[in-house]
N, C-alpha and C. Protein backbone atom coordinates (compact mmCIF):
# COMPACT_ATOMS: atom_id res chain seq x y z
N MET A 1 -72.05 93.74 32.02
CA MET A 1 -70.95 94.30 31.27
C MET A 1 -71.50 94.92 30.00
N LEU A 2 -70.83 95.95 29.55
CA LEU A 2 -71.27 96.64 28.36
C LEU A 2 -70.18 96.63 27.32
N ALA A 3 -70.59 96.73 26.09
CA ALA A 3 -69.64 96.77 24.98
C ALA A 3 -69.59 98.18 24.42
N CYS A 4 -68.71 98.38 23.48
CA CYS A 4 -68.56 99.67 22.84
C CYS A 4 -69.79 99.99 22.00
N GLY A 5 -69.97 101.27 21.67
CA GLY A 5 -71.10 101.72 20.87
C GLY A 5 -71.09 101.09 19.49
N GLY A 6 -72.19 101.27 18.76
CA GLY A 6 -72.30 100.74 17.41
C GLY A 6 -72.85 99.34 17.34
N ALA A 7 -73.23 98.76 18.45
CA ALA A 7 -73.79 97.41 18.44
C ALA A 7 -75.17 97.44 17.80
N ALA A 8 -75.46 96.42 17.00
CA ALA A 8 -76.77 96.31 16.36
C ALA A 8 -77.13 94.85 16.22
N GLU A 9 -78.44 94.57 16.22
CA GLU A 9 -78.92 93.21 16.07
C GLU A 9 -78.31 92.56 14.83
N GLY A 10 -77.75 91.36 15.02
CA GLY A 10 -77.13 90.63 13.92
C GLY A 10 -75.67 90.98 13.68
N GLY A 11 -75.19 92.05 14.31
CA GLY A 11 -73.80 92.45 14.16
C GLY A 11 -72.88 91.56 14.97
N SER A 12 -71.62 91.58 14.64
CA SER A 12 -70.67 90.74 15.37
C SER A 12 -70.26 91.40 16.69
N CYS A 13 -69.90 90.55 17.65
CA CYS A 13 -69.48 91.01 18.97
C CYS A 13 -68.48 90.02 19.54
N ASN A 14 -67.72 90.46 20.51
CA ASN A 14 -66.73 89.58 21.16
C ASN A 14 -66.65 89.89 22.65
N THR A 15 -67.81 89.97 23.27
CA THR A 15 -67.87 90.31 24.68
C THR A 15 -68.95 89.47 25.36
N ASN A 16 -69.06 89.58 26.65
CA ASN A 16 -70.16 89.00 27.40
C ASN A 16 -70.98 90.14 27.93
N GLY A 17 -72.26 89.94 28.04
CA GLY A 17 -73.08 90.96 28.66
C GLY A 17 -74.15 91.53 27.77
N PHE A 18 -74.74 92.61 28.27
CA PHE A 18 -75.93 93.20 27.67
C PHE A 18 -75.74 94.70 27.51
N LEU A 19 -76.56 95.28 26.64
CA LEU A 19 -76.70 96.72 26.55
C LEU A 19 -78.09 97.01 26.05
N CYS A 20 -78.58 98.23 26.29
CA CYS A 20 -79.90 98.61 25.80
C CYS A 20 -79.74 99.12 24.38
N SER A 21 -80.53 98.57 23.45
CA SER A 21 -80.51 99.10 22.09
C SER A 21 -81.43 100.30 21.99
N ASP A 22 -82.49 100.32 22.82
CA ASP A 22 -83.39 101.46 22.97
C ASP A 22 -84.19 101.23 24.25
N ALA A 23 -85.23 102.00 24.47
CA ALA A 23 -85.99 101.91 25.73
C ALA A 23 -86.82 100.62 25.84
N THR A 24 -87.00 99.89 24.73
CA THR A 24 -87.86 98.71 24.77
C THR A 24 -87.14 97.41 24.40
N ALA A 25 -85.82 97.45 24.25
CA ALA A 25 -85.09 96.24 23.86
C ALA A 25 -83.63 96.30 24.34
N ALA A 26 -83.13 95.11 24.64
CA ALA A 26 -81.72 94.95 25.00
C ALA A 26 -81.03 94.15 23.91
N LEU A 27 -79.72 94.17 23.92
CA LEU A 27 -78.91 93.32 23.06
C LEU A 27 -78.02 92.47 23.94
N GLU A 28 -77.89 91.19 23.59
CA GLU A 28 -76.97 90.29 24.27
C GLU A 28 -76.05 89.69 23.24
N CYS A 29 -74.76 89.61 23.58
CA CYS A 29 -73.79 88.98 22.70
C CYS A 29 -73.85 87.48 22.93
N LYS A 30 -74.40 86.74 21.93
CA LYS A 30 -74.51 85.28 22.00
C LYS A 30 -73.80 84.70 20.80
N ALA A 31 -72.84 83.80 21.04
CA ALA A 31 -72.11 83.13 19.96
C ALA A 31 -71.55 84.15 18.96
N SER A 32 -70.99 85.24 19.48
CA SER A 32 -70.33 86.30 18.70
C SER A 32 -71.27 87.11 17.82
N VAL A 33 -72.58 87.09 18.13
CA VAL A 33 -73.56 87.88 17.37
C VAL A 33 -74.49 88.59 18.36
N TRP A 34 -74.80 89.87 18.08
CA TRP A 34 -75.75 90.59 18.92
C TRP A 34 -77.17 90.09 18.65
N VAL A 35 -77.87 89.67 19.72
CA VAL A 35 -79.24 89.18 19.63
C VAL A 35 -80.14 90.18 20.36
N LYS A 36 -81.23 90.59 19.70
CA LYS A 36 -82.17 91.54 20.30
C LYS A 36 -83.12 90.82 21.24
N LEU A 37 -83.30 91.37 22.43
CA LEU A 37 -84.17 90.82 23.46
C LEU A 37 -85.26 91.84 23.78
N PRO A 38 -86.53 91.54 23.49
CA PRO A 38 -87.59 92.49 23.82
C PRO A 38 -87.69 92.71 25.33
N CYS A 39 -87.97 93.95 25.69
CA CYS A 39 -88.21 94.33 27.09
C CYS A 39 -89.57 95.03 27.10
N ARG A 40 -90.64 94.26 26.93
CA ARG A 40 -91.99 94.80 26.72
C ARG A 40 -92.66 95.29 27.99
N GLY A 41 -92.13 94.96 29.16
CA GLY A 41 -92.72 95.38 30.42
C GLY A 41 -92.63 96.89 30.60
N ALA A 42 -93.38 97.41 31.56
CA ALA A 42 -93.48 98.85 31.80
C ALA A 42 -92.12 99.51 32.06
N ASN A 43 -91.16 98.77 32.64
CA ASN A 43 -89.85 99.35 32.94
C ASN A 43 -88.86 99.26 31.78
N GLY A 44 -89.25 98.59 30.69
CA GLY A 44 -88.42 98.54 29.49
C GLY A 44 -86.99 98.11 29.75
N CYS A 45 -86.06 98.70 29.02
CA CYS A 45 -84.62 98.43 29.19
C CYS A 45 -83.98 99.65 29.81
N LYS A 46 -83.24 99.44 30.89
CA LYS A 46 -82.58 100.54 31.60
C LYS A 46 -81.17 100.16 31.96
N ARG A 47 -80.31 101.14 31.93
CA ARG A 47 -78.93 100.96 32.38
C ARG A 47 -78.71 101.86 33.58
N GLU A 48 -78.24 101.24 34.66
CA GLU A 48 -77.88 101.97 35.87
C GLU A 48 -76.46 101.58 36.22
N GLY A 49 -75.52 102.47 35.96
CA GLY A 49 -74.11 102.14 36.13
C GLY A 49 -73.72 101.07 35.13
N ASP A 50 -73.19 99.96 35.62
CA ASP A 50 -72.80 98.86 34.74
C ASP A 50 -73.87 97.77 34.65
N VAL A 51 -75.05 98.03 35.21
CA VAL A 51 -76.11 97.02 35.24
C VAL A 51 -77.20 97.38 34.23
N VAL A 52 -77.55 96.41 33.38
CA VAL A 52 -78.64 96.57 32.43
C VAL A 52 -79.80 95.69 32.89
N THR A 53 -80.99 96.28 33.00
CA THR A 53 -82.17 95.51 33.36
C THR A 53 -83.16 95.55 32.19
N CYS A 54 -83.81 94.42 31.97
CA CYS A 54 -84.78 94.26 30.89
C CYS A 54 -86.06 93.71 31.50
N ASP A 55 -87.13 94.51 31.49
CA ASP A 55 -88.41 94.09 32.06
C ASP A 55 -89.13 93.20 31.05
N MET A 56 -89.12 91.91 31.31
CA MET A 56 -89.73 90.91 30.42
C MET A 56 -91.18 90.59 30.81
N SER A 57 -91.75 91.29 31.77
CA SER A 57 -93.05 90.91 32.33
C SER A 57 -94.19 90.92 31.31
N ALA A 58 -94.05 91.60 30.20
CA ALA A 58 -95.11 91.61 29.17
C ALA A 58 -94.64 90.94 27.88
N ASN A 59 -93.54 90.20 27.96
CA ASN A 59 -93.03 89.53 26.76
C ASN A 59 -93.97 88.41 26.33
N LEU A 60 -93.83 88.00 25.07
CA LEU A 60 -94.75 87.07 24.44
C LEU A 60 -94.08 85.76 24.05
N GLU A 61 -94.89 84.72 23.91
CA GLU A 61 -94.39 83.43 23.42
C GLU A 61 -93.65 83.66 22.11
N GLY A 62 -92.46 83.06 22.00
CA GLY A 62 -91.65 83.20 20.79
C GLY A 62 -90.62 84.31 20.86
N ASP A 63 -90.74 85.23 21.84
CA ASP A 63 -89.75 86.29 21.99
C ASP A 63 -88.40 85.69 22.38
N ASN A 64 -87.33 86.32 21.96
CA ASN A 64 -85.99 85.94 22.42
C ASN A 64 -85.89 86.20 23.91
N CYS A 65 -85.07 85.41 24.59
CA CYS A 65 -84.81 85.65 26.01
C CYS A 65 -83.32 85.49 26.28
N ALA A 66 -82.87 86.11 27.34
CA ALA A 66 -81.45 86.16 27.69
C ALA A 66 -80.94 84.79 28.14
N SER A 67 -79.67 84.55 27.91
CA SER A 67 -79.06 83.30 28.38
C SER A 67 -79.16 83.19 29.91
N SER A 68 -79.15 84.33 30.60
CA SER A 68 -79.27 84.31 32.06
C SER A 68 -80.69 83.96 32.51
N ALA A 69 -81.67 83.98 31.60
CA ALA A 69 -83.06 83.63 31.93
C ALA A 69 -83.38 82.18 31.60
N GLN A 70 -82.42 81.44 31.07
CA GLN A 70 -82.64 80.04 30.68
C GLN A 70 -83.25 79.25 31.84
N GLY A 71 -84.37 78.58 31.59
CA GLY A 71 -85.03 77.78 32.61
C GLY A 71 -85.92 78.57 33.55
N ARG A 72 -85.96 79.87 33.41
CA ARG A 72 -86.78 80.69 34.28
C ARG A 72 -88.12 80.96 33.63
N GLY A 73 -89.12 81.21 34.44
CA GLY A 73 -90.46 81.41 33.93
C GLY A 73 -91.02 82.77 34.24
N LEU A 74 -92.17 83.05 33.60
CA LEU A 74 -92.95 84.24 33.85
C LEU A 74 -94.38 83.96 33.43
N CYS A 75 -95.30 84.82 33.83
CA CYS A 75 -96.70 84.65 33.47
C CYS A 75 -96.95 85.25 32.09
N THR A 76 -97.94 84.70 31.40
CA THR A 76 -98.38 85.29 30.14
C THR A 76 -99.05 86.63 30.46
N THR A 77 -99.21 87.49 29.47
CA THR A 77 -99.77 88.82 29.71
C THR A 77 -101.21 88.77 30.22
N ASP A 78 -101.97 87.72 29.88
CA ASP A 78 -103.34 87.58 30.39
C ASP A 78 -103.40 86.90 31.75
N MET A 79 -102.21 86.52 32.28
CA MET A 79 -102.09 85.89 33.60
C MET A 79 -102.83 84.55 33.68
N LYS A 80 -102.95 83.85 32.52
CA LYS A 80 -103.64 82.56 32.48
C LYS A 80 -102.73 81.46 31.93
N GLY A 81 -101.42 81.68 32.03
CA GLY A 81 -100.47 80.69 31.57
C GLY A 81 -99.06 81.07 31.97
N THR A 82 -98.13 80.16 31.70
CA THR A 82 -96.73 80.43 32.01
C THR A 82 -95.88 80.30 30.75
N LEU A 83 -94.81 81.08 30.73
CA LEU A 83 -93.80 81.02 29.68
C LEU A 83 -92.48 80.67 30.35
N GLU A 84 -91.64 79.92 29.66
CA GLU A 84 -90.32 79.58 30.18
C GLU A 84 -89.29 79.82 29.08
N CYS A 85 -88.13 80.32 29.48
CA CYS A 85 -87.04 80.53 28.54
C CYS A 85 -86.36 79.19 28.26
N ARG A 86 -86.46 78.74 27.01
CA ARG A 86 -85.84 77.47 26.60
C ARG A 86 -85.08 77.70 25.30
N GLU A 87 -83.80 77.41 25.33
CA GLU A 87 -82.95 77.55 24.16
C GLU A 87 -83.08 78.92 23.50
N GLY A 88 -83.16 79.97 24.33
CA GLY A 88 -83.16 81.34 23.84
C GLY A 88 -84.49 81.90 23.40
N LYS A 89 -85.59 81.15 23.58
CA LYS A 89 -86.93 81.62 23.20
C LYS A 89 -87.91 81.36 24.34
N LEU A 90 -88.93 82.23 24.46
CA LEU A 90 -89.98 81.99 25.43
C LEU A 90 -90.98 80.99 24.86
N VAL A 91 -91.25 79.93 25.63
CA VAL A 91 -92.13 78.85 25.22
C VAL A 91 -93.27 78.76 26.24
N LYS A 92 -94.51 78.64 25.75
CA LYS A 92 -95.64 78.47 26.68
C LYS A 92 -95.56 77.07 27.27
N THR A 93 -95.59 77.00 28.60
CA THR A 93 -95.43 75.72 29.27
C THR A 93 -96.68 75.24 30.00
N ASN A 94 -97.59 76.16 30.37
CA ASN A 94 -98.79 75.76 31.10
C ASN A 94 -99.93 76.73 30.80
N THR A 95 -101.15 76.21 30.97
CA THR A 95 -102.36 77.04 30.96
C THR A 95 -102.98 76.88 32.33
N CYS A 96 -103.48 77.97 32.90
CA CYS A 96 -104.03 77.89 34.24
C CYS A 96 -105.14 78.92 34.42
N ARG A 97 -105.80 78.81 35.55
CA ARG A 97 -106.87 79.76 35.89
C ARG A 97 -106.27 81.12 36.23
N SER A 98 -105.16 81.08 36.98
CA SER A 98 -104.48 82.33 37.32
C SER A 98 -102.99 82.06 37.54
N CYS A 99 -102.19 83.01 37.14
CA CYS A 99 -100.74 82.92 37.28
C CYS A 99 -100.25 84.10 38.10
N THR A 100 -99.37 83.83 39.05
CA THR A 100 -98.78 84.88 39.86
C THR A 100 -97.28 84.64 39.99
N VAL A 101 -96.55 85.70 40.26
CA VAL A 101 -95.12 85.61 40.48
C VAL A 101 -94.83 86.13 41.87
N THR A 102 -94.13 85.31 42.65
CA THR A 102 -93.69 85.71 43.99
C THR A 102 -92.19 85.50 44.05
N GLY A 103 -91.45 86.61 44.07
CA GLY A 103 -89.99 86.51 44.01
C GLY A 103 -89.57 85.89 42.70
N ASP A 104 -88.84 84.78 42.76
CA ASP A 104 -88.42 84.06 41.56
C ASP A 104 -89.34 82.89 41.23
N GLN A 105 -90.43 82.73 41.99
CA GLN A 105 -91.30 81.59 41.80
C GLN A 105 -92.57 81.98 41.02
N VAL A 106 -92.88 81.21 39.95
CA VAL A 106 -94.08 81.40 39.16
C VAL A 106 -95.09 80.36 39.61
N ILE A 107 -96.29 80.80 39.99
CA ILE A 107 -97.31 79.90 40.49
C ILE A 107 -98.49 79.91 39.54
N CYS A 108 -98.79 78.73 38.98
CA CYS A 108 -99.88 78.57 38.03
C CYS A 108 -100.98 77.77 38.71
N SER A 109 -102.10 78.43 39.06
CA SER A 109 -103.20 77.76 39.76
C SER A 109 -104.15 77.14 38.75
N PRO A 110 -104.38 75.81 38.86
CA PRO A 110 -105.24 75.11 37.89
C PRO A 110 -106.69 75.55 37.96
């Protein structure tokens, strides 16, 4: 779902959903405030119809993450660890020899 124009990080909102603030970041309305979500991956932030996608594949530890990503993981940019979305932030959860993603599953090989 999208909200009306004029949304900005830290601004007030009263909707559910996401919008792209630019090609490299999305905004999500959380607790009536717009929160900026980095989309550092090659596909950035894109809107296709009513769907907003945010490529988090190159996001970093400490970056904000979407409420819909809570509990989900991804590999670190060096592919030697995992990050998980916890309480709205990406937290490093493991160090490994190699990390791969298959579908929704993150595999960290020791």
